[in-house]
C-alpha atoms as a PDB file:
ATOM      1  CA  UNK A   1     -76.175-122.303 225.302  1.00  0.00           C
ATOM      2  CA  UNK A   2     -73.646-121.683 222.554  1.00  0.00           C
ATOM      3  CA  UNK A   3     -74.090-118.486 220.551  1.00  0.00           C
ATOM      4  CA  UNK A   4     -72.023-117.705 217.447  1.00  0.00           C
ATOM      5  CA  UNK A   5     -72.144-114.563 215.338  1.00  0.00           C
ATOM      6  CA  UNK A   6     -69.973-112.883 212.715  1.00  0.00           C
ATOM      7  CA  UNK A   7     -68.487-109.408 213.116  1.00  0.00           C
ATOM      8  CA  UNK A   8     -69.520-106.966 210.417  1.00  0.00           C
ATOM      9  CA  UNK A   9     -67.550-104.126 208.896  1.00  0.00           C
ATOM     10  CA  UNK A  10     -64.008-105.517 208.853  1.00  0.00           C
ATOM     11  CA  UNK A  11     -62.385-104.025 205.727  1.00  0.00           C
ATOM     12  CA  UNK A  12     -60.092-105.725 203.229  1.00  0.00           C
ATOM     13  CA  UNK A  13     -56.855-106.485 205.063  1.00  0.00           C
ATOM     14  CA  UNK A  14     -53.462-105.447 203.681  1.00  0.00           C
ATOM     15  CA  UNK A  15     -49.889-106.209 204.772  1.00  0.00           C
ATOM     16  CA  UNK A  16     -49.045-104.424 207.993  1.00  0.00           C
ATOM     17  CA  UNK A  17     -52.640-103.868 209.136  1.00  0.00           C
ATOM     18  CA  UNK A  18     -53.337-104.041 212.869  1.00  0.00           C
ATOM     19  CA  UNK A  19     -55.794-106.912 213.299  1.00  0.00           C
ATOM     20  CA  UNK A  20     -56.450-106.093 216.943  1.00  0.00           C
ATOM     21  CA  UNK A  21     -57.551-102.597 215.920  1.00  0.00           C
ATOM     22  CA  UNK A  22     -59.708-103.863 213.035  1.00  0.00           C
ATOM     23  CA  UNK A  23     -61.387-106.539 215.166  1.00  0.00           C
ATOM     24  CA  UNK A  24     -61.739-104.188 218.125  1.00  0.00           C
ATOM     25  CA  UNK A  25     -63.393-101.520 215.961  1.00  0.00           C
ATOM     26  CA  UNK A  26     -65.857-104.118 214.641  1.00  0.00           C
ATOM     27  CA  UNK A  27     -66.634-105.204 218.202  1.00  0.00           C
ATOM     28  CA  UNK A  28     -67.231-101.573 219.215  1.00  0.00           C
ATOM     29  CA  UNK A  29     -69.906-101.286 216.521  1.00  0.00           C
ATOM     30  CA  UNK A  30     -71.804-104.298 217.828  1.00  0.00           C
ATOM     31  CA  UNK A  31     -71.953-106.613 220.843  1.00  0.00           C
ATOM     32  CA  UNK A  32     -69.175-106.009 223.419  1.00  0.00           C
ATOM     33  CA  UNK A  33     -66.884-108.909 224.226  1.00  0.00           C
ATOM     34  CA  UNK A  34     -67.273-110.486 227.670  1.00  0.00           C
ATOM     35  CA  UNK A  35     -65.141-112.856 229.719  1.00  0.00           C
ATOM     36  CA  UNK A  36     -65.133-116.327 228.184  1.00  0.00           C
ATOM     37  CA  UNK A  37     -65.817-115.288 224.589  1.00  0.00           C
ATOM     38  CA  UNK A  38     -63.785-117.010 221.887  1.00  0.00           C
ATOM     39  CA  UNK A  39     -62.849-114.894 218.855  1.00  0.00           C
ATOM     40  CA  UNK A  40     -62.501-117.012 215.721  1.00  0.00           C
ATOM     41  CA  UNK A  41     -60.328-115.485 213.005  1.00  0.00           C
ATOM     42  CA  UNK A  42     -59.993-116.758 209.434  1.00  0.00           C
ATOM     43  CA  UNK A  43     -56.322-117.432 208.691  1.00  0.00           C
ATOM     44  CA  UNK A  44     -56.496-115.516 205.408  1.00  0.00           C
ATOM     45  CA  UNK A  45     -56.661-112.130 207.098  1.00  0.00           C
ATOM     46  CA  UNK A  46     -53.795-113.116 209.398  1.00  0.00           C
ATOM     47  CA  UNK A  47     -51.720-114.132 206.368  1.00  0.00           C
ATOM     48  CA  UNK A  48     -52.600-110.890 204.580  1.00  0.00           C
ATOM     49  CA  UNK A  49     -51.691-108.745 207.584  1.00  0.00           C
ATOM     50  CA  UNK A  50     -48.406-110.634 207.942  1.00  0.00           C
ATOM     51  CA  UNK A  51     -47.556-110.176 204.248  1.00  0.00           C
ATOM     52  CA  UNK A  52     -47.701-113.860 203.317  1.00  0.00           C
ATOM     53  CA  UNK A  53     -48.667-113.117 199.696  1.00  0.00           C
ATOM     54  CA  UNK A  54     -46.933-114.423 196.581  1.00  0.00           C
ATOM     55  CA  UNK A  55     -47.507-114.014 192.855  1.00  0.00           C
ATOM     56  CA  UNK A  56     -49.862-116.710 191.608  1.00  0.00           C
ATOM     57  CA  UNK A  57     -47.329-117.929 189.048  1.00  0.00           C
ATOM     58  CA  UNK A  58     -45.140-118.958 192.002  1.00  0.00           C
ATOM     59  CA  UNK A  59     -47.853-121.284 193.397  1.00  0.00           C
ATOM     60  CA  UNK A  60     -46.311-124.614 192.438  1.00  0.00           C
ATOM     61  CA  UNK A  61     -42.891-123.492 193.660  1.00  0.00           C
ATOM     62  CA  UNK A  62     -44.521-122.302 196.877  1.00  0.00           C
ATOM     63  CA  UNK A  63     -46.196-125.677 197.378  1.00  0.00           C
ATOM     64  CA  UNK A  64     -42.860-127.407 196.878  1.00  0.00           C
ATOM     65  CA  UNK A  65     -41.141-125.022 199.291  1.00  0.00           C
ATOM     66  CA  UNK A  66     -43.857-125.613 201.893  1.00  0.00           C
ATOM     67  CA  UNK A  67     -43.708-129.404 201.540  1.00  0.00           C
ATOM     68  CA  UNK A  68     -42.068-131.333 204.360  1.00  0.00           C
ATOM     69  CA  UNK A  69     -43.421-134.696 203.244  1.00  0.00           C
ATOM     70  CA  UNK A  70     -45.448-135.871 200.267  1.00  0.00           C
ATOM     71  CA  UNK A  71     -48.386-137.965 201.451  1.00  0.00           C
ATOM     72  CA  UNK A  72     -50.201-138.555 198.164  1.00  0.00           C
ATOM     73  CA  UNK A  73     -50.344-137.222 194.626  1.00  0.00           C
ATOM     74  CA  UNK A  74     -53.082-137.640 192.040  1.00  0.00           C
ATOM     75  CA  UNK A  75     -53.363-136.542 188.420  1.00  0.00           C
ATOM     76  CA  UNK A  76     -56.846-135.790 187.085  1.00  0.00           C
ATOM     77  CA  UNK A  77     -57.991-136.830 183.585  1.00  0.00           C
ATOM     78  CA  UNK A  78     -57.376-133.214 182.554  1.00  0.00           C
ATOM     79  CA  UNK A  79     -53.764-133.462 183.718  1.00  0.00           C
ATOM     80  CA  UNK A  80     -54.072-131.377 186.891  1.00  0.00           C
ATOM     81  CA  UNK A  81     -51.854-132.649 189.704  1.00  0.00           C
ATOM     82  CA  UNK A  82     -53.115-132.465 193.285  1.00  0.00           C
ATOM     83  CA  UNK A  83     -50.536-132.925 196.022  1.00  0.00           C
ATOM     84  CA  UNK A  84     -51.492-133.837 199.589  1.00  0.00           C
ATOM     85  CA  UNK A  85     -48.510-132.882 201.720  1.00  0.00           C
ATOM     86  CA  UNK A  86     -47.364-132.142 205.230  1.00  0.00           C
ATOM     87  CA  UNK A  87     -46.354-128.507 205.589  1.00  0.00           C
ATOM     88  CA  UNK A  88     -43.956-126.910 208.123  1.00  0.00           C
ATOM     89  CA  UNK A  89     -46.827-126.507 210.609  1.00  0.00           C
ATOM     90  CA  UNK A  90     -47.344-130.276 210.626  1.00  0.00           C
ATOM     91  CA  UNK A  91     -50.691-129.887 208.858  1.00  0.00           C
ATOM     92  CA  UNK A  92     -51.489-132.434 206.150  1.00  0.00           C
ATOM     93  CA  UNK A  93     -53.471-130.679 203.432  1.00  0.00           C
ATOM     94  CA  UNK A  94     -53.913-130.240 199.727  1.00  0.00           C
ATOM     95  CA  UNK A  95     -51.317-127.898 198.197  1.00  0.00           C
ATOM     96  CA  UNK A  96     -49.679-127.324 201.619  1.00  0.00           C
ATOM     97  CA  UNK A  97     -52.408-124.812 202.408  1.00  0.00           C
ATOM     98  CA  UNK A  98     -51.280-122.447 199.627  1.00  0.00           C
ATOM     99  CA  UNK A  99     -54.552-120.770 198.645  1.00  0.00           C
ATOM    100  CA  UNK A 100     -55.813-118.584 195.814  1.00  0.00           C
ATOM    101  CA  UNK A 101     -59.370-117.937 197.053  1.00  0.00           C
ATOM    102  CA  UNK A 102     -60.333-114.542 198.505  1.00  0.00           C
ATOM    103  CA  UNK A 103     -56.953-113.086 197.554  1.00  0.00           C
ATOM    104  CA  UNK A 104     -56.081-110.137 195.308  1.00  0.00           C
ATOM    105  CA  UNK A 105     -55.897-110.976 191.592  1.00  0.00           C
ATOM    106  CA  UNK A 106     -52.612-112.545 190.612  1.00  0.00           C
ATOM    107  CA  UNK A 107     -51.660-113.607 194.135  1.00  0.00           C
ATOM    108  CA  UNK A 108     -51.784-116.641 196.398  1.00  0.00           C
ATOM    109  CA  UNK A 109     -51.499-116.846 200.171  1.00  0.00           C
ATOM    110  CA  UNK A 110     -49.289-118.935 202.395  1.00  0.00           C
ATOM    111  CA  UNK A 111     -50.570-119.886 205.828  1.00  0.00           C
ATOM    112  CA  UNK A 112     -49.305-117.790 208.753  1.00  0.00           C
ATOM    113  CA  UNK A 113     -45.758-118.715 209.679  1.00  0.00           C
ATOM    114  CA  UNK A 114     -46.686-119.401 213.325  1.00  0.00           C
ATOM    115  CA  UNK A 115     -50.481-119.367 213.810  1.00  0.00           C
ATOM    116  CA  UNK A 116     -50.243-120.037 217.559  1.00  0.00           C
ATOM    117  CA  UNK A 117     -47.993-117.004 218.007  1.00  0.00           C
ATOM    118  CA  UNK A 118     -50.362-114.933 215.857  1.00  0.00           C
ATOM    119  CA  UNK A 119     -53.297-116.064 218.003  1.00  0.00           C
ATOM    120  CA  UNK A 120     -51.438-115.118 221.196  1.00  0.00           C
ATOM    121  CA  UNK A 121     -50.702-111.654 219.836  1.00  0.00           C
ATOM    122  CA  UNK A 122     -54.338-111.065 218.864  1.00  0.00           C
ATOM    123  CA  UNK A 123     -55.669-112.484 222.144  1.00  0.00           C
ATOM    124  CA  UNK A 124     -53.299-110.367 224.240  1.00  0.00           C
ATOM    125  CA  UNK A 125     -54.225-107.261 222.263  1.00  0.00           C
ATOM    126  CA  UNK A 126     -57.970-107.871 222.539  1.00  0.00           C
ATOM    127  CA  UNK A 127     -57.721-108.579 226.268  1.00  0.00           C
ATOM    128  CA  UNK A 128     -55.878-105.303 226.766  1.00  0.00           C
ATOM    129  CA  UNK A 129     -58.219-103.284 224.541  1.00  0.00           C
ATOM    130  CA  UNK A 130     -61.547-104.684 225.731  1.00  0.00           C
ATOM    131  CA  UNK A 131     -60.755-105.769 229.279  1.00  0.00           C
ATOM    132  CA  UNK A 132     -62.459-109.081 228.497  1.00  0.00           C
ATOM    133  CA  UNK A 133     -60.730-112.403 229.205  1.00  0.00           C
ATOM    134  CA  UNK A 134     -61.116-113.869 225.706  1.00  0.00           C
ATOM    135  CA  UNK A 135     -59.534-116.677 223.734  1.00  0.00           C
ATOM    136  CA  UNK A 136     -58.615-116.683 220.059  1.00  0.00           C
ATOM    137  CA  UNK A 137     -58.718-119.396 217.397  1.00  0.00           C
ATOM    138  CA  UNK A 138     -57.206-119.019 213.927  1.00  0.00           C
ATOM    139  CA  UNK A 139     -58.873-121.287 211.378  1.00  0.00           C
ATOM    140  CA  UNK A 140     -58.370-122.637 207.896  1.00  0.00           C
ATOM    141  CA  UNK A 141     -60.554-124.693 205.576  1.00  0.00           C
ATOM    142  CA  UNK A 142     -59.262-128.255 205.296  1.00  0.00           C
ATOM    143  CA  UNK A 143     -60.389-131.562 203.864  1.00  0.00           C
ATOM    144  CA  UNK A 144     -60.713-134.713 205.970  1.00  0.00           C
ATOM    145  CA  UNK A 145     -59.602-138.263 205.369  1.00  0.00           C
ATOM    146  CA  UNK A 146     -62.382-140.619 204.239  1.00  0.00           C
ATOM    147  CA  UNK A 147     -65.027-137.870 203.945  1.00  0.00           C
ATOM    148  CA  UNK A 148     -66.070-135.562 201.111  1.00  0.00           C
ATOM    149  CA  UNK A 149     -66.187-131.802 201.568  1.00  0.00           C
ATOM    150  CA  UNK A 150     -64.219-129.428 203.738  1.00  0.00           C
ATOM    151  CA  UNK A 151     -64.700-127.775 207.129  1.00  0.00           C
ATOM    152  CA  UNK A 152     -62.900-125.064 209.049  1.00  0.00           C
ATOM    153  CA  UNK A 153     -60.424-126.352 211.617  1.00  0.00           C
ATOM    154  CA  UNK A 154     -58.205-124.631 214.177  1.00  0.00           C
ATOM    155  CA  UNK A 155     -54.610-124.071 213.060  1.00  0.00           C
ATOM    156  CA  UNK A 156     -53.785-121.502 215.748  1.00  0.00           C
ATOM    157  CA  UNK A 157     -55.026-121.083 219.312  1.00  0.00           C
ATOM    158  CA  UNK A 158     -54.333-118.911 222.345  1.00  0.00           C
ATOM    159  CA  UNK A 159     -56.125-118.804 225.667  1.00  0.00           C
ATOM    160  CA  UNK A 160     -58.313-121.760 224.686  1.00  0.00           C
ATOM    161  CA  UNK A 161     -58.288-125.391 225.800  1.00  0.00           C
ATOM    162  CA  UNK A 162     -58.185-127.091 222.394  1.00  0.00           C
ATOM    163  CA  UNK A 163     -59.292-130.456 223.833  1.00  0.00           C
ATOM    164  CA  UNK A 164     -62.004-131.389 226.296  1.00  0.00           C
ATOM    165  CA  UNK A 165     -60.535-134.424 227.998  1.00  0.00           C
ATOM    166  CA  UNK A 166     -63.326-136.757 229.110  1.00  0.00           C
ATOM    167  CA  UNK A 167     -61.096-139.748 229.715  1.00  0.00           C
ATOM    168  CA  UNK A 168     -61.709-141.266 233.130  1.00  0.00           C
ATOM    169  CA  UNK A 169     -65.310-140.062 233.257  1.00  0.00           C
ATOM    170  CA  UNK A 170     -68.357-142.232 232.547  1.00  0.00           C
ATOM    171  CA  UNK A 171     -71.022-142.135 229.865  1.00  0.00           C
ATOM    172  CA  UNK A 172     -74.784-141.913 230.512  1.00  0.00           C
ATOM    173  CA  UNK A 173     -74.866-145.649 231.161  1.00  0.00           C
ATOM    174  CA  UNK A 174     -72.023-145.542 233.663  1.00  0.00           C
ATOM    175  CA  UNK A 175     -69.427-147.030 231.322  1.00  0.00           C
ATOM    176  CA  UNK A 176     -65.899-145.597 231.611  1.00  0.00           C
ATOM    177  CA  UNK A 177     -64.703-143.269 228.852  1.00  0.00           C
ATOM    178  CA  UNK A 178     -61.259-144.468 227.822  1.00  0.00           C
ATOM    179  CA  UNK A 179     -60.309-142.485 224.699  1.00  0.00           C
ATOM    180  CA  UNK A 180     -62.954-139.729 224.467  1.00  0.00           C
ATOM    181  CA  UNK A 181     -61.177-136.420 223.917  1.00  0.00           C
ATOM    182  CA  UNK A 182     -63.218-134.066 221.709  1.00  0.00           C
ATOM    183  CA  UNK A 183     -61.198-131.488 219.806  1.00  0.00           C
ATOM    184  CA  UNK A 184     -63.389-128.579 220.850  1.00  0.00           C
ATOM    185  CA  UNK A 185     -61.184-126.071 219.024  1.00  0.00           C
ATOM    186  CA  UNK A 186     -62.074-127.711 215.702  1.00  0.00           C
ATOM    187  CA  UNK A 187     -65.742-127.946 216.691  1.00  0.00           C
ATOM    188  CA  UNK A 188     -65.890-124.214 217.451  1.00  0.00           C
ATOM    189  CA  UNK A 189     -63.962-123.430 214.252  1.00  0.00           C
ATOM    190  CA  UNK A 190     -66.542-125.341 212.209  1.00  0.00           C
ATOM    191  CA  UNK A 191     -69.443-123.666 214.018  1.00  0.00           C
ATOM    192  CA  UNK A 192     -67.964-120.222 213.368  1.00  0.00           C
ATOM    193  CA  UNK A 193     -67.677-120.977 209.653  1.00  0.00           C
ATOM    194  CA  UNK A 194     -71.456-121.399 209.509  1.00  0.00           C
ATOM    195  CA  UNK A 195     -71.882-117.686 210.243  1.00  0.00           C
ATOM    196  CA  UNK A 196     -68.727-116.352 208.553  1.00  0.00           C
ATOM    197  CA  UNK A 197     -69.270-118.112 205.235  1.00  0.00           C
ATOM    198  CA  UNK A 198     -66.814-118.129 202.345  1.00  0.00           C
ATOM    199  CA  UNK A 199     -67.910-115.076 200.363  1.00  0.00           C
ATOM    200  CA  UNK A 200     -69.604-112.774 202.883  1.00  0.00           C
ATOM    201  CA  UNK A 201     -66.458-110.762 203.703  1.00  0.00           C
ATOM    202  CA  UNK A 202     -66.971-111.462 207.409  1.00  0.00           C
ATOM    203  CA  UNK A 203     -63.712-113.195 208.389  1.00  0.00           C
ATOM    204  CA  UNK A 204     -64.152-113.020 212.168  1.00  0.00           C
ATOM    205  CA  UNK A 205     -66.768-114.556 214.451  1.00  0.00           C
ATOM    206  CA  UNK A 206     -67.407-114.684 218.176  1.00  0.00           C
ATOM    207  CA  UNK A 207     -68.451-117.839 220.038  1.00  0.00           C
ATOM    208  CA  UNK A 208     -70.085-117.370 223.436  1.00  0.00           C
ATOM    209  CA  UNK A 209     -71.192-119.999 225.892  1.00  0.00           C
ATOM    210  CA  UNK A 210     -68.048-122.045 226.514  1.00  0.00           C
ATOM    211  CA  UNK A 211     -66.218-119.848 229.000  1.00  0.00           C
ATOM    212  CA  UNK A 212     -64.964-123.042 230.636  1.00  0.00           C
ATOM    213  CA  UNK A 213     -62.613-123.463 227.669  1.00  0.00           C
ATOM    214  CA  UNK A 214     -60.942-120.035 228.042  1.00  0.00           C
ATOM    215  CA  UNK A 215     -57.782-119.795 230.112  1.00  0.00           C
ATOM    216  CA  UNK A 216     -54.214-118.526 230.170  1.00  0.00           C
ATOM    217  CA  UNK A 217     -52.459-117.431 227.005  1.00  0.00           C
ATOM    218  CA  UNK A 218     -49.757-120.057 227.509  1.00  0.00           C
ATOM    219  CA  UNK A 219     -52.128-123.008 227.141  1.00  0.00           C
ATOM    220  CA  UNK A 220     -50.999-125.488 224.452  1.00  0.00           C
ATOM    221  CA  UNK A 221     -51.850-124.115 221.014  1.00  0.00           C
ATOM    222  CA  UNK A 222     -53.331-125.714 217.937  1.00  0.00           C
ATOM    223  CA  UNK A 223     -49.999-127.314 217.079  1.00  0.00           C
ATOM    224  CA  UNK A 224     -50.808-129.785 219.862  1.00  0.00           C
ATOM    225  CA  UNK A 225     -53.736-131.037 217.756  1.00  0.00           C
ATOM    226  CA  UNK A 226     -51.404-132.392 215.074  1.00  0.00           C
ATOM    227  CA  UNK A 227     -50.868-136.121 215.611  1.00  0.00           C
ATOM    228  CA  UNK A 228     -47.174-136.956 216.087  1.00  0.00           C
ATOM    229  CA  UNK A 229     -45.533-138.881 213.258  1.00  0.00           C
ATOM    230  CA  UNK A 230     -44.915-141.930 215.440  1.00  0.00           C
ATOM    231  CA  UNK A 231     -48.684-142.262 215.998  1.00  0.00           C
ATOM    232  CA  UNK A 232     -49.724-141.547 212.404  1.00  0.00           C
ATOM    233  CA  UNK A 233     -51.041-144.813 210.934  1.00  0.00           C
ATOM    234  CA  UNK A 234     -51.524-143.339 207.450  1.00  0.00           C
ATOM    235  CA  UNK A 235     -48.295-141.566 206.598  1.00  0.00           C
ATOM    236  CA  UNK A 236     -48.493-142.358 202.872  1.00  0.00           C
ATOM    237  CA  UNK A 237     -51.244-142.587 200.291  1.00  0.00           C
ATOM    238  CA  UNK A 238     -52.164-146.113 199.212  1.00  0.00           C
ATOM    239  CA  UNK A 239     -50.634-145.795 195.731  1.00  0.00           C
ATOM    240  CA  UNK A 240     -47.454-144.249 197.117  1.00  0.00           C
ATOM    241  CA  UNK A 241     -47.102-146.916 199.813  1.00  0.00           C
ATOM    242  CA  UNK A 242     -47.596-149.645 197.197  1.00  0.00           C
ATOM    243  CA  UNK A 243     -44.956-148.072 194.942  1.00  0.00           C
ATOM    244  CA  UNK A 244     -42.513-147.795 197.857  1.00  0.00           C
ATOM    245  CA  UNK A 245     -43.052-151.430 198.785  1.00  0.00           C
ATOM    246  CA  UNK A 246     -42.749-152.598 195.191  1.00  0.00           C
ATOM    247  CA  UNK A 247     -39.481-150.683 194.712  1.00  0.00           C
ATOM    248  CA  UNK A 248     -38.087-152.020 197.968  1.00  0.00           C
ATOM    249  CA  UNK A 249     -39.029-155.550 196.961  1.00  0.00           C
ATOM    250  CA  UNK A 250     -37.219-155.244 193.627  1.00  0.00           C
ATOM    251  CA  UNK A 251     -33.918-154.242 195.224  1.00  0.00           C
ATOM    252  CA  UNK A 252     -34.143-156.590 198.240  1.00  0.00           C
ATOM    253  CA  UNK A 253     -31.743-159.574 198.116  1.00  0.00           C
ATOM    254  CA  UNK A 254     -33.386-162.904 197.242  1.00  0.00           C
END
């Protein structure tokens, strides 16, 4: 049985804060961690602790600086431009993940520079402090292609198998599973968001019941979830791809 609960009492995080200490103190006030628990940490507090804050008037410049590749751009009737881009982490997201929600007035947050490394540091610290063999996921709220709304997904991982590879097994009817590979890290991230919420000031949750997913700290991190460019079938938005093709057609020799 999977159990998920949020940790209470974690204060507002500032640059330089020790997240292991803050999370460990919250654990001490409630349910102790046990082997196989997965600690799910909202990326915002990681970014705050790592000093990834900028003035809000630098947001558009920050988006540009964090853009590796423009995927799509849309202008609303009111003139607001939304850019869907690939950022240095390989994540394709609106505004490169530069976020103004749940941040101090006048600031925006960049994503952690290396979420997998941040997850390893937190996991190692919690294992040492609590004696429990735990894994850590760092999550961010992202949209999804072809579907409305957003969910939390894993952008950093340590000590957790991010995939459950069922290929080679059979379904309930005995048919072979050829491509079935659930991204369990994203599934747990989404489940944790149900108890953390967006405005409850509870940025950390614990998931218990999937100890089979917890392992060594050098397991592949969340970066391994990002689909490589050579297997990305949708590298450009439809309008952008049409414009590229039209421009190429105009200059092609006839």
